[in-house]
Protein backbone atom coordinates (compact mmCIF):
# COMPACT_ATOMS: atom_id res chain seq x y z
CA MET A 1 -13.04 -5.53 22.90
CA ALA A 2 -11.24 -8.65 23.93
CA GLY A 3 -10.03 -11.02 21.26
CA GLU A 4 -9.83 -8.45 18.45
CA ALA A 5 -6.59 -8.09 16.55
CA VAL A 6 -4.94 -4.73 16.89
CA SER A 7 -3.03 -3.41 13.92
CA ARG A 8 -0.25 -0.95 14.62
CA VAL A 9 -0.04 2.11 12.44
CA LEU A 10 3.60 3.00 11.92
CA LYS A 11 5.03 6.16 10.44
CA ARG A 12 7.65 5.36 7.82
CA SER A 13 10.03 7.78 6.12
CA ILE A 14 10.20 7.37 2.36
CA ASN A 15 11.60 9.19 -0.65
CA ILE A 16 9.18 9.99 -3.49
CA GLY A 17 10.66 11.59 -6.56
CA GLY A 18 13.61 12.96 -4.62
CA HIS A 19 11.47 14.39 -1.83
CA LYS A 20 11.49 12.97 1.68
CA THR A 21 8.10 12.43 3.23
CA SER A 22 6.46 10.10 5.70
CA ILE A 23 3.48 7.80 5.47
CA SER A 24 1.44 6.21 8.20
CA LEU A 25 0.38 2.65 7.38
CA GLU A 26 -0.71 -0.42 9.26
CA ASP A 27 1.80 -3.28 9.18
CA GLU A 28 -0.59 -5.40 7.11
CA PHE A 29 -0.81 -2.83 4.32
CA TRP A 30 2.96 -2.24 4.36
CA ASN A 31 3.67 -5.99 4.15
CA CYS A 32 1.14 -6.45 1.34
CA LEU A 33 2.66 -3.54 -0.58
CA LYS A 34 6.12 -5.11 -0.30
CA GLU A 35 4.69 -8.45 -1.47
CA ILE A 36 2.99 -6.87 -4.49
CA ALA A 37 6.18 -5.01 -5.46
CA GLY A 38 8.14 -8.26 -5.20
CA GLU A 39 5.63 -10.14 -7.33
CA ARG A 40 5.87 -7.41 -9.98
CA GLY A 41 9.65 -7.36 -9.84
CA ILE A 42 9.96 -3.70 -8.94
CA SER A 43 11.35 -1.89 -5.94
CA LEU A 44 9.11 -0.71 -3.16
CA GLY A 45 10.19 2.87 -3.93
CA ALA A 46 9.18 2.53 -7.57
CA MET A 47 5.84 1.06 -6.52
CA ILE A 48 5.14 3.96 -4.17
CA GLU A 49 6.20 6.54 -6.78
CA GLY A 50 3.77 4.97 -9.25
CA ILE A 51 0.94 5.06 -6.73
CA ASP A 52 1.76 8.65 -5.82
CA GLY A 53 1.86 9.72 -9.47
CA GLY A 54 -1.60 8.33 -10.16
CA ARG A 55 -3.35 9.13 -6.91
CA LYS A 56 -6.69 10.87 -6.75
CA HIS A 57 -6.73 11.15 -2.97
CA ALA A 58 -5.45 13.75 -0.55
CA ASN A 59 -2.60 11.70 0.90
CA VAL A 60 -0.23 8.95 -0.11
CA SER A 61 -1.17 6.69 2.82
CA SER A 62 -4.80 6.54 1.69
CA ALA A 63 -3.76 5.99 -1.91
CA ILE A 64 -1.56 3.06 -0.88
CA ARG A 65 -4.37 1.45 1.13
CA LEU A 66 -6.77 1.77 -1.80
CA PHE A 67 -4.14 0.43 -4.22
CA VAL A 68 -3.55 -2.67 -2.08
CA LEU A 69 -7.29 -3.20 -1.69
CA GLY A 70 -7.71 -2.87 -5.46
CA VAL A 71 -5.00 -5.43 -6.20
CA TYR A 72 -6.63 -8.01 -3.98
CA ARG A 73 -10.14 -7.21 -5.24
CA ASP A 74 -8.91 -7.72 -8.80
CA GLN A 75 -7.32 -10.99 -7.75
CA LEU A 76 -10.59 -12.23 -6.28
CA ALA A 77 -12.49 -11.16 -9.39
CA SER A 78 -10.04 -13.09 -11.58
CA TRP A 79 -10.83 -16.16 -9.50
CA GLY A 80 -14.54 -15.62 -10.16
CA ARG A 81 -15.35 -14.30 -6.68
CA HIS A 82 -16.44 -10.71 -6.40
């Protein structure tokens, strides 16, 4: 599949509520999560703890992807494009 962008999935060690764990996320999702945390004026750790506390999915990595997708979907909807 020549010409397609390849996104690396990296395993990252994080601390959630005092417990060490790891998540596997593509660079794009990780960078977007950092951007969202910065825009909201909170730490990346606090952002991840909030996502983890409210997740309805089996793993944190999936919850983070869906959170990032939701933020950008909401942004598009606020611009009148959904």
